[in-house]
Amino acid sequence: MAKKIKITQIKSSIGYKQKAKLTLKALGLRKMHQTVEHSDSDTLRGMINRVNYLVKIEEPS
């Protein structure tokens, strides 16, 4: 079974580059304090690294 991670948007994307906004949209985040759960992968980790100043990562228990 693939490991899951929770991603929460903790900061608004207003005032940041378009690339950051599109990355948040691709992650499934639309508004602040919204949480999504994805399977952990290298591709997902790269997207998270692109917007690490806007999101918080958690390992669900």
N, C-alpha and C. Protein backbone atom coordinates (compact mmCIF):
# COMPACT_ATOMS: atom_id res chain seq x y z
N MET A 1 0.83 -1.18 0.00
CA MET A 1 0.00 0.00 0.00
C MET A 1 0.88 1.25 0.00
N ALA A 2 0.55 2.19 -0.83
CA ALA A 2 1.34 3.42 -0.94
C ALA A 2 1.14 4.29 0.30
N LYS A 3 2.21 4.90 0.73
CA LYS A 3 2.18 5.79 1.88
C LYS A 3 1.42 7.07 1.52
N LYS A 4 0.61 7.56 2.43
CA LYS A 4 -0.20 8.76 2.20
C LYS A 4 0.41 9.94 2.96
N ILE A 5 0.22 11.14 2.41
CA ILE A 5 0.60 12.36 3.11
C ILE A 5 -0.53 13.36 3.00
N LYS A 6 -0.67 14.19 4.04
CA LYS A 6 -1.68 15.25 4.06
C LYS A 6 -0.97 16.57 3.77
N ILE A 7 -1.56 17.37 2.88
CA ILE A 7 -1.02 18.66 2.50
C ILE A 7 -2.06 19.71 2.84
N THR A 8 -1.67 20.72 3.61
CA THR A 8 -2.56 21.79 4.02
C THR A 8 -2.00 23.12 3.56
N GLN A 9 -2.83 23.93 2.92
CA GLN A 9 -2.40 25.26 2.51
C GLN A 9 -2.49 26.18 3.72
N ILE A 10 -1.35 26.79 4.10
CA ILE A 10 -1.31 27.62 5.30
C ILE A 10 -1.14 29.10 4.98
N LYS A 11 -0.92 29.44 3.73
CA LYS A 11 -0.69 30.82 3.35
C LYS A 11 -1.37 31.07 2.01
N SER A 12 -1.85 32.29 1.81
CA SER A 12 -2.53 32.65 0.57
C SER A 12 -1.54 32.74 -0.58
N SER A 13 -2.00 32.44 -1.77
CA SER A 13 -1.14 32.52 -2.96
C SER A 13 -1.15 33.91 -3.59
N ILE A 14 -1.93 34.83 -3.02
CA ILE A 14 -1.99 36.20 -3.55
C ILE A 14 -0.62 36.85 -3.41
N GLY A 15 -0.16 37.42 -4.50
CA GLY A 15 1.12 38.11 -4.49
C GLY A 15 2.30 37.23 -4.88
N TYR A 16 2.05 35.95 -5.12
CA TYR A 16 3.12 35.03 -5.53
C TYR A 16 3.02 34.77 -7.03
N LYS A 17 4.05 34.17 -7.57
CA LYS A 17 4.12 33.95 -9.01
C LYS A 17 3.03 32.99 -9.49
N GLN A 18 2.72 33.11 -10.76
CA GLN A 18 1.68 32.28 -11.39
C GLN A 18 2.03 30.80 -11.28
N LYS A 19 3.31 30.46 -11.36
CA LYS A 19 3.74 29.07 -11.27
C LYS A 19 3.35 28.46 -9.92
N ALA A 20 3.48 29.25 -8.85
CA ALA A 20 3.10 28.76 -7.52
C ALA A 20 1.59 28.55 -7.44
N LYS A 21 0.83 29.46 -8.02
CA LYS A 21 -0.63 29.33 -8.01
C LYS A 21 -1.08 28.09 -8.78
N LEU A 22 -0.45 27.84 -9.91
CA LEU A 22 -0.81 26.67 -10.72
C LEU A 22 -0.41 25.37 -10.02
N THR A 23 0.70 25.40 -9.29
CA THR A 23 1.12 24.21 -8.55
C THR A 23 0.13 23.89 -7.44
N LEU A 24 -0.33 24.90 -6.73
CA LEU A 24 -1.36 24.68 -5.70
C LEU A 24 -2.63 24.10 -6.31
N LYS A 25 -3.01 24.61 -7.45
CA LYS A 25 -4.20 24.11 -8.13
C LYS A 25 -4.02 22.65 -8.53
N ALA A 26 -2.82 22.30 -9.01
CA ALA A 26 -2.54 20.92 -9.41
C ALA A 26 -2.54 19.98 -8.20
N LEU A 27 -2.18 20.50 -7.04
CA LEU A 27 -2.22 19.70 -5.81
C LEU A 27 -3.65 19.53 -5.30
N GLY A 28 -4.58 20.34 -5.82
CA GLY A 28 -5.98 20.24 -5.40
C GLY A 28 -6.34 21.21 -4.31
N LEU A 29 -5.48 22.21 -4.08
CA LEU A 29 -5.72 23.20 -3.03
C LEU A 29 -6.31 24.46 -3.65
N ARG A 30 -7.46 24.90 -3.13
CA ARG A 30 -8.13 26.07 -3.67
C ARG A 30 -8.21 27.22 -2.69
N LYS A 31 -8.25 26.92 -1.39
CA LYS A 31 -8.37 27.99 -0.40
C LYS A 31 -7.53 27.67 0.84
N MET A 32 -7.31 28.69 1.65
CA MET A 32 -6.48 28.52 2.83
C MET A 32 -7.10 27.53 3.81
N HIS A 33 -6.23 26.82 4.50
CA HIS A 33 -6.59 25.82 5.52
C HIS A 33 -7.35 24.63 4.95
N GLN A 34 -7.31 24.47 3.64
CA GLN A 34 -7.89 23.28 3.01
C GLN A 34 -6.83 22.18 3.05
N THR A 35 -7.24 20.96 3.32
CA THR A 35 -6.33 19.82 3.41
C THR A 35 -6.71 18.78 2.37
N VAL A 36 -5.70 18.26 1.68
CA VAL A 36 -5.90 17.18 0.73
C VAL A 36 -4.96 16.04 1.09
N GLU A 37 -5.32 14.84 0.70
CA GLU A 37 -4.50 13.66 0.98
C GLU A 37 -4.12 13.02 -0.35
N HIS A 38 -2.81 12.76 -0.51
CA HIS A 38 -2.29 12.16 -1.74
C HIS A 38 -1.35 11.01 -1.39
N SER A 39 -1.16 10.11 -2.34
CA SER A 39 -0.14 9.07 -2.20
C SER A 39 1.23 9.71 -2.39
N ASP A 40 2.17 9.31 -1.56
CA ASP A 40 3.51 9.89 -1.61
C ASP A 40 4.25 9.39 -2.86
N SER A 41 4.86 10.32 -3.60
CA SER A 41 5.65 9.97 -4.78
C SER A 41 6.70 11.06 -5.00
N ASP A 42 7.67 10.77 -5.84
CA ASP A 42 8.70 11.75 -6.15
C ASP A 42 8.13 12.97 -6.85
N THR A 43 7.18 12.74 -7.75
CA THR A 43 6.55 13.84 -8.47
C THR A 43 5.82 14.77 -7.49
N LEU A 44 5.08 14.20 -6.57
CA LEU A 44 4.36 14.99 -5.59
C LEU A 44 5.32 15.76 -4.69
N ARG A 45 6.41 15.12 -4.27
CA ARG A 45 7.41 15.79 -3.43
C ARG A 45 8.03 16.98 -4.16
N GLY A 46 8.24 16.87 -5.47
CA GLY A 46 8.77 17.98 -6.25
C GLY A 46 7.80 19.15 -6.29
N MET A 47 6.52 18.85 -6.42
CA MET A 47 5.51 19.90 -6.41
C MET A 47 5.45 20.59 -5.05
N ILE A 48 5.56 19.81 -3.99
CA ILE A 48 5.54 20.37 -2.64
C ILE A 48 6.76 21.25 -2.42
N ASN A 49 7.92 20.83 -2.90
CA ASN A 49 9.13 21.63 -2.75
C ASN A 49 9.01 22.96 -3.49
N ARG A 50 8.26 23.01 -4.57
CA ARG A 50 8.06 24.23 -5.34
C ARG A 50 7.28 25.27 -4.53
N VAL A 51 6.34 24.82 -3.69
CA VAL A 51 5.50 25.73 -2.91
C VAL A 51 5.61 25.47 -1.40
N ASN A 52 6.79 25.08 -0.94
CA ASN A 52 6.96 24.71 0.47
C ASN A 52 6.68 25.85 1.43
N TYR A 53 6.72 27.10 0.99
CA TYR A 53 6.45 28.25 1.83
C TYR A 53 4.96 28.53 1.95
N LEU A 54 4.14 27.80 1.21
CA LEU A 54 2.69 28.00 1.24
C LEU A 54 1.93 26.83 1.86
N VAL A 55 2.61 25.70 2.07
CA VAL A 55 1.91 24.48 2.53
C VAL A 55 2.59 23.88 3.75
N LYS A 56 1.83 23.00 4.43
CA LYS A 56 2.33 22.24 5.57
C LYS A 56 2.09 20.76 5.26
N ILE A 57 3.06 19.91 5.55
CA ILE A 57 2.98 18.48 5.27
C ILE A 57 2.81 17.71 6.57
N GLU A 58 1.93 16.70 6.56
CA GLU A 58 1.72 15.85 7.74
C GLU A 58 1.65 14.39 7.28
N GLU A 59 2.12 13.51 8.14
CA GLU A 59 1.97 12.08 7.95
C GLU A 59 0.71 11.66 8.71
N PRO A 60 -0.33 11.19 8.02
CA PRO A 60 -1.56 10.80 8.74
C PRO A 60 -1.30 9.58 9.62
N SER A 61 -1.95 9.54 10.76
CA SER A 61 -1.74 8.42 11.68
C SER A 61 -2.87 7.42 11.61
